[in-house]
């Protein structure tokens, strides 16, 4: 059965300091990227929404255009009916037949007028939607220009730091493997609580290197002895002495 190495407190602290230094380097690279990754993602989502809006407007215009074509066909059919009725009126035998044909002609003429009104209203609607479509297209073009610029900027930063970032990620993985799982979980939790990501800090000028709260001499002495993991009572960060911190080179 494989033996699991039991690390001393000093070895655990060295592993934590090493991991903290590596994570801090990765944090520096993230700072260089700034808000660009989030800005790129937000712009992509916004452009996707604008494209969906553009497609919807185009579909609406197509629908209205189809409606206009249907009304034009209806007008032609009504005009054909009028011609048919006018020809029939030449052969009427009495006033009742004449009035009936005139009634049909009037109805067909009303249908034409109604269809023409529908065409006018629909044409106005298309004009309004065309304005919205043009605005959407210009907005998309503008956003795509900004997105291209942001992506190029981000890609340059990534390219400039890619090799270094990969190296640090590999080192971080190796360093985590040397930290007790429970201690690692505590370390990650502390890191997530602070924007600067510092979970392990040295005692500097008799104070915590994270929150600058004063550390009593007795506690400083215990920290230097490396007999147990010491925590800042004010901020909860893991404390190490400056000598140990300075001795770690990754």
C-alpha atoms as a PDB file:
ATOM      1  CA  UNK A   1       0.000   0.000   0.000  1.00  0.00           C
ATOM      2  CA  UNK A   2       1.362   3.428  -0.995  1.00  0.00           C
ATOM      3  CA  UNK A   3       2.415   5.669   1.843  1.00  0.00           C
ATOM      4  CA  UNK A   4       0.933   9.192   1.907  1.00  0.00           C
ATOM      5  CA  UNK A   5       3.579  11.678   2.944  1.00  0.00           C
ATOM      6  CA  UNK A   6       2.802  13.570   6.124  1.00  0.00           C
ATOM      7  CA  UNK A   7       4.027  17.122   5.497  1.00  0.00           C
ATOM      8  CA  UNK A   8       5.344  19.214   8.353  1.00  0.00           C
ATOM      9  CA  UNK A   9       3.760  22.580   9.158  1.00  0.00           C
ATOM     10  CA  UNK A  10       6.753  24.337   7.611  1.00  0.00           C
ATOM     11  CA  UNK A  11       6.415  22.299   4.411  1.00  0.00           C
ATOM     12  CA  UNK A  12       2.702  23.088   4.289  1.00  0.00           C
ATOM     13  CA  UNK A  13       3.422  26.782   4.718  1.00  0.00           C
ATOM     14  CA  UNK A  14       6.084  26.699   1.993  1.00  0.00           C
ATOM     15  CA  UNK A  15       3.568  25.026  -0.350  1.00  0.00           C
ATOM     16  CA  UNK A  16       0.957  27.668   0.476  1.00  0.00           C
ATOM     17  CA  UNK A  17       3.381  30.553  -0.061  1.00  0.00           C
ATOM     18  CA  UNK A  18       4.493  29.012  -3.350  1.00  0.00           C
ATOM     19  CA  UNK A  19       0.895  28.603  -4.496  1.00  0.00           C
ATOM     20  CA  UNK A  20       0.061  32.149  -3.441  1.00  0.00           C
ATOM     21  CA  UNK A  21       2.983  33.580  -5.421  1.00  0.00           C
ATOM     22  CA  UNK A  22       1.975  31.615  -8.524  1.00  0.00           C
ATOM     23  CA  UNK A  23      -1.686  32.616  -8.176  1.00  0.00           C
ATOM     24  CA  UNK A  24      -0.636  36.241  -7.738  1.00  0.00           C
ATOM     25  CA  UNK A  25       1.255  36.070 -11.049  1.00  0.00           C
ATOM     26  CA  UNK A  26      -1.864  34.659 -12.722  1.00  0.00           C
ATOM     27  CA  UNK A  27      -3.891  37.446 -11.117  1.00  0.00           C
ATOM     28  CA  UNK A  28      -1.511  40.005 -12.646  1.00  0.00           C
ATOM     29  CA  UNK A  29      -2.186  38.546 -16.096  1.00  0.00           C
ATOM     30  CA  UNK A  30      -5.940  38.735 -15.440  1.00  0.00           C
ATOM     31  CA  UNK A  31      -5.517  42.384 -14.467  1.00  0.00           C
ATOM     32  CA  UNK A  32      -3.773  43.025 -17.794  1.00  0.00           C
ATOM     33  CA  UNK A  33      -6.823  41.596 -19.562  1.00  0.00           C
ATOM     34  CA  UNK A  34      -8.986  43.838 -17.383  1.00  0.00           C
ATOM     35  CA  UNK A  35     -12.684  43.845 -18.255  1.00  0.00           C
ATOM     36  CA  UNK A  36     -12.007  42.884 -21.876  1.00  0.00           C
ATOM     37  CA  UNK A  37     -13.191  39.242 -21.634  1.00  0.00           C
ATOM     38  CA  UNK A  38     -16.470  40.379 -20.055  1.00  0.00           C
ATOM     39  CA  UNK A  39     -16.846  43.259 -22.524  1.00  0.00           C
ATOM     40  CA  UNK A  40     -16.302  40.898 -25.463  1.00  0.00           C
ATOM     41  CA  UNK A  41     -18.893  38.444 -24.114  1.00  0.00           C
ATOM     42  CA  UNK A  42     -21.410  41.253 -23.478  1.00  0.00           C
ATOM     43  CA  UNK A  43     -20.917  42.656 -26.990  1.00  0.00           C
ATOM     44  CA  UNK A  44     -21.370  39.213 -28.544  1.00  0.00           C
ATOM     45  CA  UNK A  45     -24.637  38.762 -26.614  1.00  0.00           C
ATOM     46  CA  UNK A  46     -25.800  42.253 -27.613  1.00  0.00           C
ATOM     47  CA  UNK A  47     -25.005  41.663 -31.297  1.00  0.00           C
ATOM     48  CA  UNK A  48     -26.819  38.329 -31.160  1.00  0.00           C
ATOM     49  CA  UNK A  49     -29.893  40.122 -29.799  1.00  0.00           C
ATOM     50  CA  UNK A  50     -29.651  42.850 -32.461  1.00  0.00           C
ATOM     51  CA  UNK A  51     -29.357  40.232 -35.216  1.00  0.00           C
ATOM     52  CA  UNK A  52     -32.463  38.495 -33.875  1.00  0.00           C
ATOM     53  CA  UNK A  53     -34.287  41.851 -33.946  1.00  0.00           C
ATOM     54  CA  UNK A  54     -33.090  42.516 -37.512  1.00  0.00           C
ATOM     55  CA  UNK A  55     -34.300  39.082 -38.634  1.00  0.00           C
ATOM     56  CA  UNK A  56     -37.674  39.675 -36.976  1.00  0.00           C
ATOM     57  CA  UNK A  57     -38.102  43.041 -38.744  1.00  0.00           C
ATOM     58  CA  UNK A  58     -37.115  41.490 -42.097  1.00  0.00           C
ATOM     59  CA  UNK A  59     -39.682  38.726 -41.582  1.00  0.00           C
ATOM     60  CA  UNK A  60     -42.337  41.325 -40.726  1.00  0.00           C
ATOM     61  CA  UNK A  61     -41.495  43.315 -43.886  1.00  0.00           C
ATOM     62  CA  UNK A  62     -41.697  40.134 -45.950  1.00  0.00           C
ATOM     63  CA  UNK A  63     -45.086  39.363 -44.405  1.00  0.00           C
ATOM     64  CA  UNK A  64     -46.441  42.837 -45.173  1.00  0.00           C
ATOM     65  CA  UNK A  65     -45.004  42.686 -48.712  1.00  0.00           C
ATOM     66  CA  UNK A  66     -46.792  39.372 -49.257  1.00  0.00           C
ATOM     67  CA  UNK A  67     -50.009  40.966 -47.966  1.00  0.00           C
ATOM     68  CA  UNK A  68     -49.630  43.813 -50.485  1.00  0.00           C
ATOM     69  CA  UNK A  69     -49.184  41.326 -53.321  1.00  0.00           C
ATOM     70  CA  UNK A  70     -52.361  39.537 -52.213  1.00  0.00           C
ATOM     71  CA  UNK A  71     -54.267  42.835 -52.222  1.00  0.00           C
ATOM     72  CA  UNK A  72     -52.983  43.622 -55.720  1.00  0.00           C
ATOM     73  CA  UNK A  73     -54.187  40.241 -56.934  1.00  0.00           C
ATOM     74  CA  UNK A  74     -57.577  40.939 -55.295  1.00  0.00           C
ATOM     75  CA  UNK A  75     -57.761  44.287 -57.153  1.00  0.00           C
ATOM     76  CA  UNK A  76     -57.084  42.589 -60.480  1.00  0.00           C
ATOM     77  CA  UNK A  77     -59.779  40.019 -59.722  1.00  0.00           C
ATOM     78  CA  UNK A  78     -62.267  42.779 -58.825  1.00  0.00           C
ATOM     79  CA  UNK A  79     -61.377  44.702 -61.997  1.00  0.00           C
ATOM     80  CA  UNK A  80     -61.962  41.552 -64.030  1.00  0.00           C
ATOM     81  CA  UNK A  81     -65.340  41.090 -62.336  1.00  0.00           C
ATOM     82  CA  UNK A  82     -66.305  44.690 -63.115  1.00  0.00           C
ATOM     83  CA  UNK A  83     -65.490  44.158 -66.801  1.00  0.00           C
ATOM     84  CA  UNK A  84     -67.560  40.962 -66.779  1.00  0.00           C
ATOM     85  CA  UNK A  85     -70.519  42.714 -65.127  1.00  0.00           C
ATOM     86  CA  UNK A  86     -70.278  45.696 -67.498  1.00  0.00           C
ATOM     87  CA  UNK A  87     -70.423  43.309 -70.451  1.00  0.00           C
ATOM     88  CA  UNK A  88     -73.394  41.503 -68.875  1.00  0.00           C
ATOM     89  CA  UNK A  89     -75.184  44.833 -68.421  1.00  0.00           C
ATOM     90  CA  UNK A  90     -75.380  45.164 -72.202  1.00  0.00           C
ATOM     91  CA  UNK A  91     -77.724  42.163 -72.353  1.00  0.00           C
ATOM     92  CA  UNK A  92     -80.027  42.926 -69.416  1.00  0.00           C
ATOM     93  CA  UNK A  93     -83.744  42.399 -70.060  1.00  0.00           C
ATOM     94  CA  UNK A  94     -85.224  44.424 -67.215  1.00  0.00           C
ATOM     95  CA  UNK A  95     -84.498  47.018 -64.533  1.00  0.00           C
ATOM     96  CA  UNK A  96     -84.194  44.403 -61.797  1.00  0.00           C
ATOM     97  CA  UNK A  97     -81.328  42.633 -63.617  1.00  0.00           C
ATOM     98  CA  UNK A  98     -79.705  45.997 -64.363  1.00  0.00           C
ATOM     99  CA  UNK A  99     -79.855  47.052 -60.701  1.00  0.00           C
ATOM    100  CA  UNK A 100     -78.461  43.675 -59.580  1.00  0.00           C
ATOM    101  CA  UNK A 101     -75.488  43.995 -61.944  1.00  0.00           C
ATOM    102  CA  UNK A 102     -74.876  47.599 -60.838  1.00  0.00           C
ATOM    103  CA  UNK A 103     -74.922  46.408 -57.241  1.00  0.00           C
ATOM    104  CA  UNK A 104     -72.240  43.818 -58.018  1.00  0.00           C
ATOM    105  CA  UNK A 105     -70.141  46.458 -59.799  1.00  0.00           C
ATOM    106  CA  UNK A 106     -70.428  48.812 -56.808  1.00  0.00           C
ATOM    107  CA  UNK A 107     -69.380  46.016 -54.428  1.00  0.00           C
ATOM    108  CA  UNK A 108     -66.367  45.196 -56.608  1.00  0.00           C
ATOM    109  CA  UNK A 109     -65.420  48.901 -56.732  1.00  0.00           C
ATOM    110  CA  UNK A 110     -65.657  49.072 -52.914  1.00  0.00           C
ATOM    111  CA  UNK A 111     -63.444  45.997 -52.682  1.00  0.00           C
ATOM    112  CA  UNK A 112     -60.875  47.762 -54.891  1.00  0.00           C
ATOM    113  CA  UNK A 113     -60.947  50.920 -52.752  1.00  0.00           C
ATOM    114  CA  UNK A 114     -60.580  48.854 -49.571  1.00  0.00           C
ATOM    115  CA  UNK A 115     -57.672  46.896 -51.074  1.00  0.00           C
ATOM    116  CA  UNK A 116     -56.010  50.152 -52.179  1.00  0.00           C
ATOM    117  CA  UNK A 117     -56.373  51.512 -48.620  1.00  0.00           C
ATOM    118  CA  UNK A 118     -54.839  48.301 -47.252  1.00  0.00           C
ATOM    119  CA  UNK A 119     -51.957  48.648 -49.725  1.00  0.00           C
ATOM    120  CA  UNK A 120     -51.349  52.280 -48.708  1.00  0.00           C
ATOM    121  CA  UNK A 121     -51.398  51.437 -44.982  1.00  0.00           C
ATOM    122  CA  UNK A 122     -49.127  48.432 -45.537  1.00  0.00           C
ATOM    123  CA  UNK A 123     -46.723  50.519 -47.651  1.00  0.00           C
ATOM    124  CA  UNK A 124     -46.513  53.079 -44.837  1.00  0.00           C
ATOM    125  CA  UNK A 125     -45.881  50.248 -42.372  1.00  0.00           C
ATOM    126  CA  UNK A 126     -43.048  48.912 -44.552  1.00  0.00           C
ATOM    127  CA  UNK A 127     -41.506  52.405 -44.683  1.00  0.00           C
ATOM    128  CA  UNK A 128     -41.564  52.583 -40.861  1.00  0.00           C
ATOM    129  CA  UNK A 129     -40.084  49.097 -40.535  1.00  0.00           C
ATOM    130  CA  UNK A 130     -37.433  49.941 -43.139  1.00  0.00           C
ATOM    131  CA  UNK A 131     -36.277  52.797 -40.888  1.00  0.00           C
ATOM    132  CA  UNK A 132     -36.083  50.411 -37.930  1.00  0.00           C
ATOM    133  CA  UNK A 133     -34.248  47.849 -40.063  1.00  0.00           C
ATOM    134  CA  UNK A 134     -31.704  50.421 -41.237  1.00  0.00           C
ATOM    135  CA  UNK A 135     -31.181  51.555 -37.638  1.00  0.00           C
ATOM    136  CA  UNK A 136     -30.698  47.931 -36.512  1.00  0.00           C
ATOM    137  CA  UNK A 137     -28.181  47.273 -39.303  1.00  0.00           C
ATOM    138  CA  UNK A 138     -26.186  50.410 -38.453  1.00  0.00           C
ATOM    139  CA  UNK A 139     -26.256  49.500 -34.762  1.00  0.00           C
ATOM    140  CA  UNK A 140     -25.010  45.986 -35.556  1.00  0.00           C
ATOM    141  CA  UNK A 141     -22.257  47.371 -37.780  1.00  0.00           C
ATOM    142  CA  UNK A 142     -21.173  49.789 -35.057  1.00  0.00           C
ATOM    143  CA  UNK A 143     -21.167  47.110 -32.344  1.00  0.00           C
ATOM    144  CA  UNK A 144     -19.287  44.687 -34.599  1.00  0.00           C
ATOM    145  CA  UNK A 145     -16.626  47.335 -35.140  1.00  0.00           C
ATOM    146  CA  UNK A 146     -16.213  47.784 -31.385  1.00  0.00           C
ATOM    147  CA  UNK A 147     -16.207  43.996 -30.888  1.00  0.00           C
ATOM    148  CA  UNK A 148     -13.479  43.521 -33.497  1.00  0.00           C
ATOM    149  CA  UNK A 149     -11.364  46.171 -31.795  1.00  0.00           C
ATOM    150  CA  UNK A 150     -11.888  44.645 -28.337  1.00  0.00           C
ATOM    151  CA  UNK A 151     -11.108  41.147 -29.613  1.00  0.00           C
ATOM    152  CA  UNK A 152      -7.904  42.318 -31.287  1.00  0.00           C
ATOM    153  CA  UNK A 153      -6.822  44.059 -28.084  1.00  0.00           C
ATOM    154  CA  UNK A 154      -7.611  40.970 -25.998  1.00  0.00           C
ATOM    155  CA  UNK A 155      -5.874  38.629 -28.455  1.00  0.00           C
ATOM    156  CA  UNK A 156      -2.713  40.747 -28.285  1.00  0.00           C
ATOM    157  CA  UNK A 157      -2.693  40.547 -24.490  1.00  0.00           C
ATOM    158  CA  UNK A 158      -3.374  36.798 -24.577  1.00  0.00           C
ATOM    159  CA  UNK A 159      -0.655  36.221 -27.180  1.00  0.00           C
ATOM    160  CA  UNK A 160       1.862  38.273 -25.199  1.00  0.00           C
ATOM    161  CA  UNK A 161       1.197  36.307 -22.009  1.00  0.00           C
ATOM    162  CA  UNK A 162       0.066  32.928 -23.348  1.00  0.00           C
ATOM    163  CA  UNK A 163       3.324  31.076 -22.741  1.00  0.00           C
ATOM    164  CA  UNK A 164       3.758  32.562 -19.285  1.00  0.00           C
ATOM    165  CA  UNK A 165       0.120  31.913 -18.339  1.00  0.00           C
ATOM    166  CA  UNK A 166       0.318  28.258 -19.405  1.00  0.00           C
ATOM    167  CA  UNK A 167       3.503  27.846 -17.395  1.00  0.00           C
ATOM    168  CA  UNK A 168       1.941  29.398 -14.272  1.00  0.00           C
ATOM    169  CA  UNK A 169      -1.228  27.311 -14.632  1.00  0.00           C
ATOM    170  CA  UNK A 170       0.883  24.160 -14.811  1.00  0.00           C
ATOM    171  CA  UNK A 171       2.912  25.258 -11.785  1.00  0.00           C
ATOM    172  CA  UNK A 172      -0.267  26.118  -9.876  1.00  0.00           C
ATOM    173  CA  UNK A 173      -1.626  22.642 -10.542  1.00  0.00           C
ATOM    174  CA  UNK A 174       1.568  21.073  -9.263  1.00  0.00           C
ATOM    175  CA  UNK A 175       1.647  23.326  -6.201  1.00  0.00           C
ATOM    176  CA  UNK A 176      -1.973  22.488  -5.320  1.00  0.00           C
ATOM    177  CA  UNK A 177      -1.053  18.816  -5.362  1.00  0.00           C
ATOM    178  CA  UNK A 178       1.336  19.473  -2.482  1.00  0.00           C
ATOM    179  CA  UNK A 179      -1.243  21.201  -0.280  1.00  0.00           C
ATOM    180  CA  UNK A 180      -3.486  19.305   2.118  1.00  0.00           C
ATOM    181  CA  UNK A 181      -7.016  19.217   0.564  1.00  0.00           C
ATOM    182  CA  UNK A 182      -8.700  20.820   3.570  1.00  0.00           C
ATOM    183  CA  UNK A 183      -6.035  23.502   3.778  1.00  0.00           C
ATOM    184  CA  UNK A 184      -6.356  24.079   0.030  1.00  0.00           C
ATOM    185  CA  UNK A 185     -10.119  24.498   0.375  1.00  0.00           C
ATOM    186  CA  UNK A 186      -9.568  27.101   3.106  1.00  0.00           C
ATOM    187  CA  UNK A 187      -6.962  28.857   0.965  1.00  0.00           C
ATOM    188  CA  UNK A 188      -9.329  29.035  -2.031  1.00  0.00           C
ATOM    189  CA  UNK A 189     -12.169  30.316   0.146  1.00  0.00           C
ATOM    190  CA  UNK A 190      -9.992  33.060   1.658  1.00  0.00           C
ATOM    191  CA  UNK A 191      -8.725  34.041  -1.810  1.00  0.00           C
ATOM    192  CA  UNK A 192     -12.292  34.412  -3.076  1.00  0.00           C
ATOM    193  CA  UNK A 193     -13.100  36.811  -0.233  1.00  0.00           C
ATOM    194  CA  UNK A 194     -10.593  39.449  -1.341  1.00  0.00           C
ATOM    195  CA  UNK A 195     -10.257  41.320  -4.617  1.00  0.00           C
ATOM    196  CA  UNK A 196      -6.466  41.154  -4.506  1.00  0.00           C
ATOM    197  CA  UNK A 197      -6.632  37.350  -4.082  1.00  0.00           C
ATOM    198  CA  UNK A 198      -4.209  37.342  -1.151  1.00  0.00           C
ATOM    199  CA  UNK A 199      -4.894  34.424   1.196  1.00  0.00           C
ATOM    200  CA  UNK A 200      -1.314  33.985   2.507  1.00  0.00           C
ATOM    201  CA  UNK A 201       0.467  37.113   3.700  1.00  0.00           C
ATOM    202  CA  UNK A 202       3.635  37.872   5.680  1.00  0.00           C
ATOM    203  CA  UNK A 203       3.825  39.770   8.923  1.00  0.00           C
ATOM    204  CA  UNK A 204       5.400  43.109   7.983  1.00  0.00           C
ATOM    205  CA  UNK A 205       6.328  45.833  10.454  1.00  0.00           C
ATOM    206  CA  UNK A 206       4.470  43.973  13.240  1.00  0.00           C
ATOM    207  CA  UNK A 207       1.230  43.908  11.237  1.00  0.00           C
ATOM    208  CA  UNK A 208      -0.747  41.594   8.960  1.00  0.00           C
ATOM    209  CA  UNK A 209       0.368  42.073   5.369  1.00  0.00           C
ATOM    210  CA  UNK A 210      -3.248  41.832   4.240  1.00  0.00           C
ATOM    211  CA  UNK A 211      -5.344  44.043   6.523  1.00  0.00           C
ATOM    212  CA  UNK A 212      -2.463  45.794   8.377  1.00  0.00           C
ATOM    213  CA  UNK A 213      -3.946  44.880  11.736  1.00  0.00           C
ATOM    214  CA  UNK A 214      -1.289  44.794  14.496  1.00  0.00           C
ATOM    215  CA  UNK A 215       0.034  41.327  15.387  1.00  0.00           C
ATOM    216  CA  UNK A 216       1.098  40.871  19.051  1.00  0.00           C
ATOM    217  CA  UNK A 217       4.772  39.921  19.667  1.00  0.00           C
ATOM    218  CA  UNK A 218       3.778  36.556  21.217  1.00  0.00           C
ATOM    219  CA  UNK A 219       1.807  35.611  18.116  1.00  0.00           C
ATOM    220  CA  UNK A 220       4.663  36.724  15.862  1.00  0.00           C
ATOM    221  CA  UNK A 221       6.957  34.411  17.810  1.00  0.00           C
ATOM    222  CA  UNK A 222       4.550  31.496  17.284  1.00  0.00           C
ATOM    223  CA  UNK A 223       4.361  32.297  13.538  1.00  0.00           C
ATOM    224  CA  UNK A 224       8.165  32.121  13.269  1.00  0.00           C
ATOM    225  CA  UNK A 225       8.238  28.732  15.005  1.00  0.00           C
ATOM    226  CA  UNK A 226       6.164  27.089  12.229  1.00  0.00           C
ATOM    227  CA  UNK A 227       4.449  24.763  14.680  1.00  0.00           C
ATOM    228  CA  UNK A 228       0.909  25.469  13.520  1.00  0.00           C
ATOM    229  CA  UNK A 229      -1.026  27.369  10.855  1.00  0.00           C
ATOM    230  CA  UNK A 230      -1.662  30.870  12.183  1.00  0.00           C
ATOM    231  CA  UNK A 231      -4.592  33.019  11.074  1.00  0.00           C
ATOM    232  CA  UNK A 232      -5.061  36.776  11.291  1.00  0.00           C
ATOM    233  CA  UNK A 233      -7.833  37.337  13.829  1.00  0.00           C
ATOM    234  CA  UNK A 234      -9.022  40.412  11.917  1.00  0.00           C
ATOM    235  CA  UNK A 235      -9.145  39.318   8.255  1.00  0.00           C
ATOM    236  CA  UNK A 236      -8.785  35.534   8.435  1.00  0.00           C
ATOM    237  CA  UNK A 237      -5.742  35.357   6.142  1.00  0.00           C
ATOM    238  CA  UNK A 238      -2.993  32.787   6.725  1.00  0.00           C
ATOM    239  CA  UNK A 239       0.061  34.439   8.271  1.00  0.00           C
ATOM    240  CA  UNK A 240       3.728  33.589   7.648  1.00  0.00           C
ATOM    241  CA  UNK A 241       6.950  35.241   8.739  1.00  0.00           C
ATOM    242  CA  UNK A 242       8.883  37.394   6.278  1.00  0.00           C
ATOM    243  CA  UNK A 243      11.924  35.101   6.350  1.00  0.00           C
ATOM    244  CA  UNK A 244       9.905  32.099   5.161  1.00  0.00           C
ATOM    245  CA  UNK A 245       8.085  34.173   2.557  1.00  0.00           C
ATOM    246  CA  UNK A 246      11.385  35.548   1.163  1.00  0.00           C
ATOM    247  CA  UNK A 247      12.967  32.104   1.106  1.00  0.00           C
ATOM    248  CA  UNK A 248      10.359  30.765  -1.340  1.00  0.00           C
ATOM    249  CA  UNK A 249      11.362  31.067  -4.975  1.00  0.00           C
ATOM    250  CA  UNK A 250       9.296  29.252  -7.571  1.00  0.00           C
END
